[in-house]
C-alpha atoms as a PDB file:
ATOM      1  CA  MET A   1     158.942  78.370 143.352  1.00  0.00           C
ATOM      2  CA  GLY A   2     161.700  75.295 142.881  1.00  0.00           C
ATOM      3  CA  ALA A   3     163.067  73.726 145.826  1.00  0.00           C
ATOM      4  CA  ALA A   4     165.961  75.666 145.031  1.00  0.00           C
ATOM      5  CA  ASP A   5     163.699  79.206 145.566  1.00  0.00           C
ATOM      6  CA  LYS A   6     163.348  78.040 149.211  1.00  0.00           C
ATOM      7  CA  ILE A   7     164.689  78.093 152.670  1.00  0.00           C
ATOM      8  CA  MET A   8     163.381  75.163 155.072  1.00  0.00           C
ATOM      9  CA  PHE A   9     163.995  76.439 158.470  1.00  0.00           C
ATOM     10  CA  GLN A  10     161.974  75.801 162.164  1.00  0.00           C
ATOM     11  CA  ILE A  11     161.935  77.381 164.988  1.00  0.00           C
ATOM     12  CA  TYR A  12     162.253  75.165 168.406  1.00  0.00           C
ATOM     13  CA  ARG A  13     162.472  74.967 171.859  1.00  0.00           C
ATOM     14  CA  GLU A  14     165.746  72.974 173.023  1.00  0.00           C
ATOM     15  CA  ALA A  15     165.259  69.794 175.302  1.00  0.00           C
ATOM     16  CA  ASP A  16     168.212  70.726 177.383  1.00  0.00           C
ATOM     17  CA  TYR A  17     167.812  72.161 180.724  1.00  0.00           C
ATOM     18  CA  GLY A  18     168.362  75.989 179.320  1.00  0.00           C
ATOM     19  CA  ARG A  19     164.837  75.343 176.849  1.00  0.00           C
ATOM     20  CA  GLN A  20     165.497  78.179 174.617  1.00  0.00           C
ATOM     21  CA  PHE A  21     164.454  78.931 171.434  1.00  0.00           C
ATOM     22  CA  ARG A  22     165.902  78.290 168.493  1.00  0.00           C
ATOM     23  CA  ILE A  23     165.819  78.211 164.638  1.00  0.00           C
ATOM     24  CA  VAL A  24     167.400  76.356 162.010  1.00  0.00           C
ATOM     25  CA  TYR A  25     167.716  76.526 158.539  1.00  0.00           C
ATOM     26  CA  PHE A  26     167.799  73.241 156.904  1.00  0.00           C
ATOM     27  CA  THR A  27     168.862  73.533 153.753  1.00  0.00           C
ATOM     28  CA  GLU A  28     171.464  76.311 154.341  1.00  0.00           C
ATOM     29  CA  LEU A  29     173.437  73.843 156.658  1.00  0.00           C
ATOM     30  CA  ASP A  30     177.175  72.300 154.983  1.00  0.00           C
ATOM     31  CA  GLU A  31     178.520  68.628 156.028  1.00  0.00           C
ATOM     32  CA  HIS A  32     180.152  69.724 159.199  1.00  0.00           C
ATOM     33  CA  ASN A  33     177.379  71.221 160.871  1.00  0.00           C
ATOM     34  CA  LYS A  34     174.211  68.991 159.150  1.00  0.00           C
ATOM     35  CA  GLU A  35     174.279  66.110 162.029  1.00  0.00           C
ATOM     36  CA  ARG A  36     174.234  68.289 164.790  1.00  0.00           C
ATOM     37  CA  GLU A  37     172.150  70.530 163.971  1.00  0.00           C
ATOM     38  CA  ILE A  38     169.184  68.836 162.689  1.00  0.00           C
ATOM     39  CA  GLY A  39     169.940  65.886 165.494  1.00  0.00           C
ATOM     40  CA  HIS A  40     169.240  69.158 168.168  1.00  0.00           C
ATOM     41  CA  ALA A  41     166.086  70.490 166.462  1.00  0.00           C
ATOM     42  CA  LEU A  42     164.993  66.809 166.283  1.00  0.00           C
ATOM     43  CA  ALA A  43     165.563  66.470 170.080  1.00  0.00           C
ATOM     44  CA  GLY A  44     163.766  70.055 170.787  1.00  0.00           C
ATOM     45  CA  GLU A  45     159.676  70.904 170.628  1.00  0.00           C
ATOM     46  CA  PRO A  46     159.243  72.328 167.713  1.00  0.00           C
ATOM     47  CA  PHE A  47     157.306  75.240 167.743  1.00  0.00           C
ATOM     48  CA  PHE A  48     156.588  76.998 163.861  1.00  0.00           C
ATOM     49  CA  ASP A  49     158.321  75.649 160.504  1.00  0.00           C
ATOM     50  CA  GLY A  50     158.047  76.607 156.698  1.00  0.00           C
ATOM     51  CA  PHE A  51     159.586  78.151 154.098  1.00  0.00           C
ATOM     52  CA  LEU A  52     161.266  80.937 153.406  1.00  0.00           C
ATOM     53  CA  SER A  53     161.655  82.626 149.441  1.00  0.00           C
ATOM     54  CA  GLU A  54     164.624  83.179 148.774  1.00  0.00           C
ATOM     55  CA  LEU A  55     164.171  86.665 147.286  1.00  0.00           C
ATOM     56  CA  ALA A  56     163.083  88.029 150.299  1.00  0.00           C
ATOM     57  CA  LYS A  57     165.484  85.816 152.909  1.00  0.00           C
ATOM     58  CA  GLY A  58     167.163  88.950 154.606  1.00  0.00           C
ATOM     59  CA  ALA A  59     164.182  90.252 155.862  1.00  0.00           C
ATOM     60  CA  GLY A  60     162.183  86.872 156.746  1.00  0.00           C
ATOM     61  CA  LYS A  61     165.827  85.693 158.835  1.00  0.00           C
ATOM     62  CA  ALA A  62     165.273  89.156 160.623  1.00  0.00           C
ATOM     63  CA  LYS A  63     161.616  88.625 161.889  1.00  0.00           C
ATOM     64  CA  LEU A  64     162.419  85.004 162.955  1.00  0.00           C
ATOM     65  CA  ASP A  65     165.000  86.619 164.451  1.00  0.00           C
ATOM     66  CA  GLU A  66     163.411  89.109 166.096  1.00  0.00           C
ATOM     67  CA  PHE A  67     160.615  86.719 167.301  1.00  0.00           C
ATOM     68  CA  VAL A  68     162.819  83.908 168.845  1.00  0.00           C
ATOM     69  CA  LYS A  69     164.507  86.801 170.392  1.00  0.00           C
ATOM     70  CA  ARG A  70     160.556  87.408 172.039  1.00  0.00           C
ATOM     71  CA  LEU A  71     160.330  83.943 172.470  1.00  0.00           C
ATOM     72  CA  ASN A  72     163.230  83.951 174.526  1.00  0.00           C
ATOM     73  CA  ARG A  73     162.020  86.799 176.915  1.00  0.00           C
ATOM     74  CA  GLY A  74     159.679  85.186 177.861  1.00  0.00           C
ATOM     75  CA  GLU A  75     157.121  87.194 175.474  1.00  0.00           C
ATOM     76  CA  HIS A  76     153.761  85.491 174.500  1.00  0.00           C
ATOM     77  CA  VAL A  77     153.725  84.525 170.320  1.00  0.00           C
ATOM     78  CA  GLU A  78     151.715  81.923 168.922  1.00  0.00           C
ATOM     79  CA  PRO A  79     152.775  79.871 166.035  1.00  0.00           C
ATOM     80  CA  ASP A  80     150.372  82.669 163.993  1.00  0.00           C
ATOM     81  CA  ASP A  81     151.599  85.359 164.960  1.00  0.00           C
ATOM     82  CA  VAL A  82     154.980  84.082 163.039  1.00  0.00           C
ATOM     83  CA  GLU A  83     152.956  82.916 159.540  1.00  0.00           C
ATOM     84  CA  ARG A  84     150.794  86.075 159.748  1.00  0.00           C
ATOM     85  CA  GLU A  85     153.849  88.813 160.270  1.00  0.00           C
ATOM     86  CA  LEU A  86     156.299  86.900 158.028  1.00  0.00           C
ATOM     87  CA  ALA A  87     153.711  86.401 155.444  1.00  0.00           C
ATOM     88  CA  ALA A  88     152.684  90.616 155.670  1.00  0.00           C
ATOM     89  CA  ILE A  89     156.342  90.966 154.726  1.00  0.00           C
ATOM     90  CA  GLY A  90     156.268  88.543 151.786  1.00  0.00           C
ATOM     91  CA  ALA A  91     158.656  86.632 153.272  1.00  0.00           C
ATOM     92  CA  LEU A  92     157.125  82.849 153.325  1.00  0.00           C
ATOM     93  CA  ALA A  93     157.573  80.763 150.004  1.00  0.00           C
ATOM     94  CA  ASP A  94     154.529  79.393 148.661  1.00  0.00           C
END
């Protein structure tokens, strides 16, 4: 699987007062938002990162959105849970 077949992402917790969890898809950023979004992610606390398969990006993004919502509701989620569920639907790239 080549680099073009993967979407690099990170779930992180904001560093500011709100401390909300967010997700950034690094390989989908364009020039007008790249520096700002990367800056937010770098300032935050990393939770989970990896690569989604381009072929399963819809299902993978839906699952990641679900995890971010759960985390922001205060549910206990471990990074291993994210990895396990993404792998189960074939969304993680090698």
